[in-house]
Amino acid sequence: MKITLEIDSEKASAFLNFIRSLDFIKIKVQEDFEEPTKEEILQSIEAGLKEVKDHLEGKIKLKEARTFLDEL
């Protein structure tokens, strides 16, 4: 099965890192795909850490990994 996804550039690197960890997914890079810059990667990590901090402080509720995967 082939699935095409369009992902915001801010979240693309985090999403790619996640799916690369799954052994049943193969990634084919398209010509229009641009690897994220170091700044974009750091911004993505910073945003993710802020989400975790907000979750731990009870400001937001995060989805469980199983819920996220079920939505795919």
N, C-alpha and C. Protein backbone atom coordinates (compact mmCIF):
# COMPACT_ATOMS: atom_id res chain seq x y z
N MET A 1 0.85 -1.17 0.00
CA MET A 1 0.00 0.00 0.00
C MET A 1 0.90 1.23 0.00
N LYS A 2 0.52 2.22 -0.77
CA LYS A 2 1.25 3.48 -0.80
C LYS A 2 0.34 4.56 -0.26
N ILE A 3 0.91 5.41 0.56
CA ILE A 3 0.18 6.53 1.15
C ILE A 3 1.02 7.79 0.96
N THR A 4 0.39 8.85 0.50
CA THR A 4 1.08 10.13 0.35
C THR A 4 0.57 11.06 1.44
N LEU A 5 1.50 11.66 2.16
CA LEU A 5 1.15 12.58 3.24
C LEU A 5 1.73 13.95 2.96
N GLU A 6 0.99 14.97 3.30
CA GLU A 6 1.52 16.33 3.28
C GLU A 6 1.59 16.79 4.73
N ILE A 7 2.79 17.15 5.15
CA ILE A 7 3.03 17.49 6.54
C ILE A 7 3.66 18.88 6.61
N ASP A 8 3.20 19.68 7.58
CA ASP A 8 3.80 21.00 7.78
C ASP A 8 5.30 20.85 7.96
N SER A 9 6.04 21.77 7.37
CA SER A 9 7.50 21.68 7.44
C SER A 9 8.01 21.73 8.88
N GLU A 10 7.27 22.39 9.77
CA GLU A 10 7.68 22.46 11.17
C GLU A 10 7.67 21.09 11.84
N LYS A 11 6.76 20.22 11.41
CA LYS A 11 6.59 18.91 12.04
C LYS A 11 7.19 17.78 11.22
N ALA A 12 7.64 18.06 10.00
CA ALA A 12 8.10 17.01 9.09
C ALA A 12 9.28 16.22 9.66
N SER A 13 10.26 16.88 10.20
CA SER A 13 11.44 16.16 10.67
C SER A 13 11.10 15.25 11.84
N ALA A 14 10.26 15.73 12.75
CA ALA A 14 9.86 14.89 13.88
C ALA A 14 9.08 13.68 13.40
N PHE A 15 8.19 13.90 12.44
CA PHE A 15 7.40 12.79 11.91
C PHE A 15 8.29 11.79 11.19
N LEU A 16 9.24 12.27 10.38
CA LEU A 16 10.15 11.37 9.68
C LEU A 16 11.00 10.57 10.66
N ASN A 17 11.46 11.20 11.71
CA ASN A 17 12.24 10.47 12.72
C ASN A 17 11.40 9.37 13.35
N PHE A 18 10.14 9.66 13.59
CA PHE A 18 9.24 8.65 14.17
C PHE A 18 9.03 7.48 13.22
N ILE A 19 8.68 7.75 11.97
CA ILE A 19 8.37 6.64 11.07
C ILE A 19 9.62 5.86 10.67
N ARG A 20 10.78 6.49 10.72
CA ARG A 20 12.02 5.75 10.44
C ARG A 20 12.27 4.69 11.50
N SER A 21 11.73 4.88 12.69
CA SER A 21 11.92 3.91 13.77
C SER A 21 11.03 2.67 13.60
N LEU A 22 10.07 2.73 12.69
CA LEU A 22 9.17 1.61 12.47
C LEU A 22 9.75 0.71 11.38
N ASP A 23 9.92 -0.58 11.69
CA ASP A 23 10.58 -1.48 10.75
C ASP A 23 9.71 -1.89 9.56
N PHE A 24 8.41 -1.63 9.61
CA PHE A 24 7.52 -2.06 8.52
C PHE A 24 7.23 -0.94 7.52
N ILE A 25 7.90 0.19 7.65
CA ILE A 25 7.69 1.32 6.74
C ILE A 25 8.96 1.57 5.95
N LYS A 26 8.80 1.72 4.64
CA LYS A 26 9.92 2.07 3.76
C LYS A 26 9.67 3.49 3.26
N ILE A 27 10.69 4.31 3.29
CA ILE A 27 10.56 5.70 2.86
C ILE A 27 11.25 5.87 1.52
N LYS A 28 10.51 6.41 0.57
CA LYS A 28 11.08 6.77 -0.72
C LYS A 28 11.06 8.29 -0.80
N VAL A 29 12.22 8.85 -0.98
CA VAL A 29 12.34 10.31 -1.02
C VAL A 29 11.98 10.80 -2.42
N GLN A 30 11.08 11.77 -2.46
CA GLN A 30 10.70 12.38 -3.73
C GLN A 30 11.62 13.56 -4.00
N GLU A 31 11.71 13.93 -5.25
CA GLU A 31 12.61 15.01 -5.65
C GLU A 31 12.26 16.33 -4.99
N ASP A 32 10.99 16.57 -4.71
CA ASP A 32 10.61 17.86 -4.14
C ASP A 32 10.78 17.91 -2.62
N PHE A 33 11.27 16.85 -2.04
CA PHE A 33 11.48 16.81 -0.59
C PHE A 33 12.81 17.47 -0.25
N GLU A 34 12.78 18.36 0.71
CA GLU A 34 14.00 19.02 1.17
C GLU A 34 14.29 18.57 2.60
N GLU A 35 15.51 18.12 2.81
CA GLU A 35 15.92 17.75 4.16
C GLU A 35 15.86 18.99 5.06
N PRO A 36 15.42 18.82 6.29
CA PRO A 36 15.35 19.97 7.19
C PRO A 36 16.74 20.48 7.55
N THR A 37 16.81 21.77 7.78
CA THR A 37 18.07 22.37 8.19
C THR A 37 18.29 22.10 9.68
N LYS A 38 19.50 22.37 10.14
CA LYS A 38 19.80 22.18 11.55
C LYS A 38 18.88 23.05 12.41
N GLU A 39 18.64 24.29 11.95
CA GLU A 39 17.74 25.19 12.69
C GLU A 39 16.34 24.61 12.78
N GLU A 40 15.83 24.06 11.68
CA GLU A 40 14.49 23.48 11.67
C GLU A 40 14.41 22.28 12.60
N ILE A 41 15.45 21.47 12.62
CA ILE A 41 15.48 20.31 13.52
C ILE A 41 15.46 20.77 14.97
N LEU A 42 16.29 21.76 15.29
CA LEU A 42 16.33 22.27 16.66
C LEU A 42 15.00 22.91 17.07
N GLN A 43 14.36 23.62 16.15
CA GLN A 43 13.05 24.22 16.43
C GLN A 43 12.01 23.14 16.69
N SER A 44 12.08 22.07 15.92
CA SER A 44 11.14 20.97 16.09
C SER A 44 11.33 20.29 17.44
N ILE A 45 12.58 20.08 17.82
CA ILE A 45 12.87 19.47 19.12
C ILE A 45 12.39 20.38 20.24
N GLU A 46 12.66 21.67 20.09
CA GLU A 46 12.22 22.65 21.10
C GLU A 46 10.70 22.66 21.23
N ALA A 47 10.00 22.61 20.10
CA ALA A 47 8.54 22.59 20.13
C ALA A 47 8.03 21.32 20.80
N GLY A 48 8.66 20.20 20.51
CA GLY A 48 8.27 18.93 21.13
C GLY A 48 8.49 18.95 22.63
N LEU A 49 9.62 19.49 23.06
CA LEU A 49 9.89 19.57 24.49
C LEU A 49 8.91 20.50 25.20
N LYS A 50 8.51 21.58 24.51
CA LYS A 50 7.51 22.48 25.09
C LYS A 50 6.17 21.76 25.26
N GLU A 51 5.81 20.93 24.27
CA GLU A 51 4.56 20.17 24.38
C GLU A 51 4.62 19.20 25.55
N VAL A 52 5.75 18.53 25.73
CA VAL A 52 5.90 17.61 26.86
C VAL A 52 5.80 18.38 28.18
N LYS A 53 6.47 19.52 28.27
CA LYS A 53 6.42 20.34 29.48
C LYS A 53 4.99 20.78 29.77
N ASP A 54 4.28 21.27 28.72
CA ASP A 54 2.89 21.69 28.90
C ASP A 54 2.01 20.53 29.35
N HIS A 55 2.28 19.34 28.81
CA HIS A 55 1.51 18.16 29.20
C HIS A 55 1.76 17.83 30.67
N LEU A 56 3.03 17.85 31.07
CA LEU A 56 3.36 17.54 32.46
C LEU A 56 2.78 18.55 33.43
N GLU A 57 2.62 19.79 32.97
CA GLU A 57 2.03 20.83 33.81
C GLU A 57 0.51 20.83 33.74
N GLY A 58 -0.06 19.93 32.94
CA GLY A 58 -1.51 19.83 32.84
C GLY A 58 -2.14 20.87 31.93
N LYS A 59 -1.35 21.57 31.15
CA LYS A 59 -1.88 22.61 30.27
C LYS A 59 -2.50 22.02 29.00
N ILE A 60 -1.96 20.89 28.53
CA ILE A 60 -2.50 20.23 27.35
C ILE A 60 -2.55 18.73 27.59
N LYS A 61 -3.37 18.04 26.81
CA LYS A 61 -3.45 16.59 26.89
C LYS A 61 -2.93 16.04 25.57
N LEU A 62 -1.95 15.15 25.65
CA LEU A 62 -1.37 14.56 24.45
C LEU A 62 -2.05 13.24 24.13
N LYS A 63 -2.05 12.90 22.84
CA LYS A 63 -2.61 11.62 22.41
C LYS A 63 -1.63 10.51 22.76
N GLU A 64 -2.16 9.34 23.03
CA GLU A 64 -1.31 8.17 23.22
C GLU A 64 -0.83 7.70 21.86
N ALA A 65 0.33 7.07 21.82
CA ALA A 65 0.90 6.60 20.55
C ALA A 65 -0.06 5.68 19.81
N ARG A 66 -0.74 4.79 20.54
CA ARG A 66 -1.69 3.85 19.91
C ARG A 66 -2.83 4.62 19.24
N THR A 67 -3.34 5.65 19.86
CA THR A 67 -4.41 6.47 19.27
C THR A 67 -3.92 7.12 18.00
N PHE A 68 -2.71 7.65 18.03
CA PHE A 68 -2.11 8.29 16.86
C PHE A 68 -1.99 7.28 15.72
N LEU A 69 -1.47 6.11 16.01
CA LEU A 69 -1.30 5.09 14.97
C LEU A 69 -2.64 4.60 14.42
N ASP A 70 -3.63 4.48 15.29
CA ASP A 70 -4.96 4.05 14.84
C ASP A 70 -5.58 5.05 13.87
N GLU A 71 -5.24 6.33 14.02
CA GLU A 71 -5.77 7.37 13.13
C GLU A 71 -5.15 7.30 11.75
N LEU A 72 -3.95 6.71 11.65
CA LEU A 72 -3.31 6.56 10.35
C LEU A 72 -4.01 5.49 9.61
